[in-house]
Amino acid sequence: MADLEEVVVADAQELGSLLGCSEDVLTDLKNSGVLAPHGEAWNVGPAREYLRDAAWADEVWY
């Protein structure tokens, strides 16, 4: 289970910068439920784990 890691950001660009991904990837993460807001805070723990695992999987299969 992903860690609870809440952050408050001003906009999607700041959230993308924090996670190291583009706004398109953020949209995909939001639509899939991996990244969800909690009021003004965002729990980025699950998104960080998802992006880490996706990057690891890409490296393994090349």
Protein backbone atom coordinates (compact mmCIF):
# COMPACT_ATOMS: atom_id res chain seq x y z
CA MET A 1 0.00 0.00 0.00
CA ALA A 2 1.23 3.46 -0.88
CA ASP A 3 2.36 5.89 1.75
CA LEU A 4 0.22 8.87 2.59
CA GLU A 5 2.24 11.84 1.40
CA GLU A 6 0.10 14.95 1.11
CA VAL A 7 1.30 18.16 -0.51
CA VAL A 8 -0.34 21.48 -1.31
CA VAL A 9 0.47 22.88 -4.75
CA ALA A 10 -0.66 25.95 -6.65
CA ASP A 11 -1.34 24.36 -10.04
CA ALA A 12 -0.87 21.35 -12.30
CA GLN A 13 2.55 22.58 -13.45
CA GLU A 14 3.82 22.65 -9.86
CA LEU A 15 2.33 19.19 -9.19
CA GLY A 16 3.94 17.85 -12.38
CA SER A 17 7.26 19.34 -11.35
CA LEU A 18 6.98 17.74 -7.92
CA LEU A 19 6.29 14.30 -9.41
CA GLY A 20 8.63 14.74 -12.39
CA CYS A 21 5.99 14.16 -15.07
CA SER A 22 4.07 16.11 -17.69
CA GLU A 23 0.56 17.50 -17.34
CA ASP A 24 -0.67 14.78 -19.74
CA VAL A 25 0.64 12.10 -17.38
CA LEU A 26 -0.99 13.94 -14.45
CA THR A 27 -4.32 13.83 -16.28
CA ASP A 28 -3.93 10.09 -16.82
CA LEU A 29 -3.04 9.56 -13.15
CA LYS A 30 -6.08 11.59 -12.05
CA ASN A 31 -8.43 9.77 -14.44
CA SER A 32 -7.21 6.35 -13.27
CA GLY A 33 -7.60 7.27 -9.60
CA VAL A 34 -3.90 6.96 -8.77
CA LEU A 35 -3.70 10.66 -7.94
CA ALA A 36 -6.58 12.23 -6.03
CA PRO A 37 -7.04 15.50 -4.17
CA HIS A 38 -7.98 15.69 -0.50
CA GLY A 39 -9.32 19.23 -0.30
CA GLU A 40 -6.42 21.48 -1.23
CA ALA A 41 -3.87 18.73 -0.56
CA TRP A 42 -2.87 15.98 -2.96
CA ASN A 43 -1.81 12.54 -1.79
CA VAL A 44 1.17 11.96 -4.08
CA GLY A 45 2.36 8.72 -2.46
CA PRO A 46 0.47 6.38 -4.82
CA ALA A 47 1.48 8.46 -7.86
CA ARG A 48 5.16 8.36 -6.88
CA GLU A 49 4.99 4.57 -6.51
CA TYR A 50 3.18 4.18 -9.83
CA LEU A 51 5.71 6.34 -11.70
CA ARG A 52 8.64 4.55 -10.01
CA ASP A 53 7.26 1.14 -10.94
CA ALA A 54 6.52 2.22 -14.52
CA ALA A 55 10.06 3.57 -14.93
CA TRP A 56 11.52 0.36 -13.48
CA ALA A 57 9.39 -1.82 -15.79
CA ASP A 58 10.51 0.16 -18.86
CA GLU A 59 14.16 -0.37 -17.91
CA VAL A 60 13.66 -4.11 -17.39
CA TRP A 61 12.03 -4.71 -20.75
CA TYR A 62 14.57 -2.85 -22.89
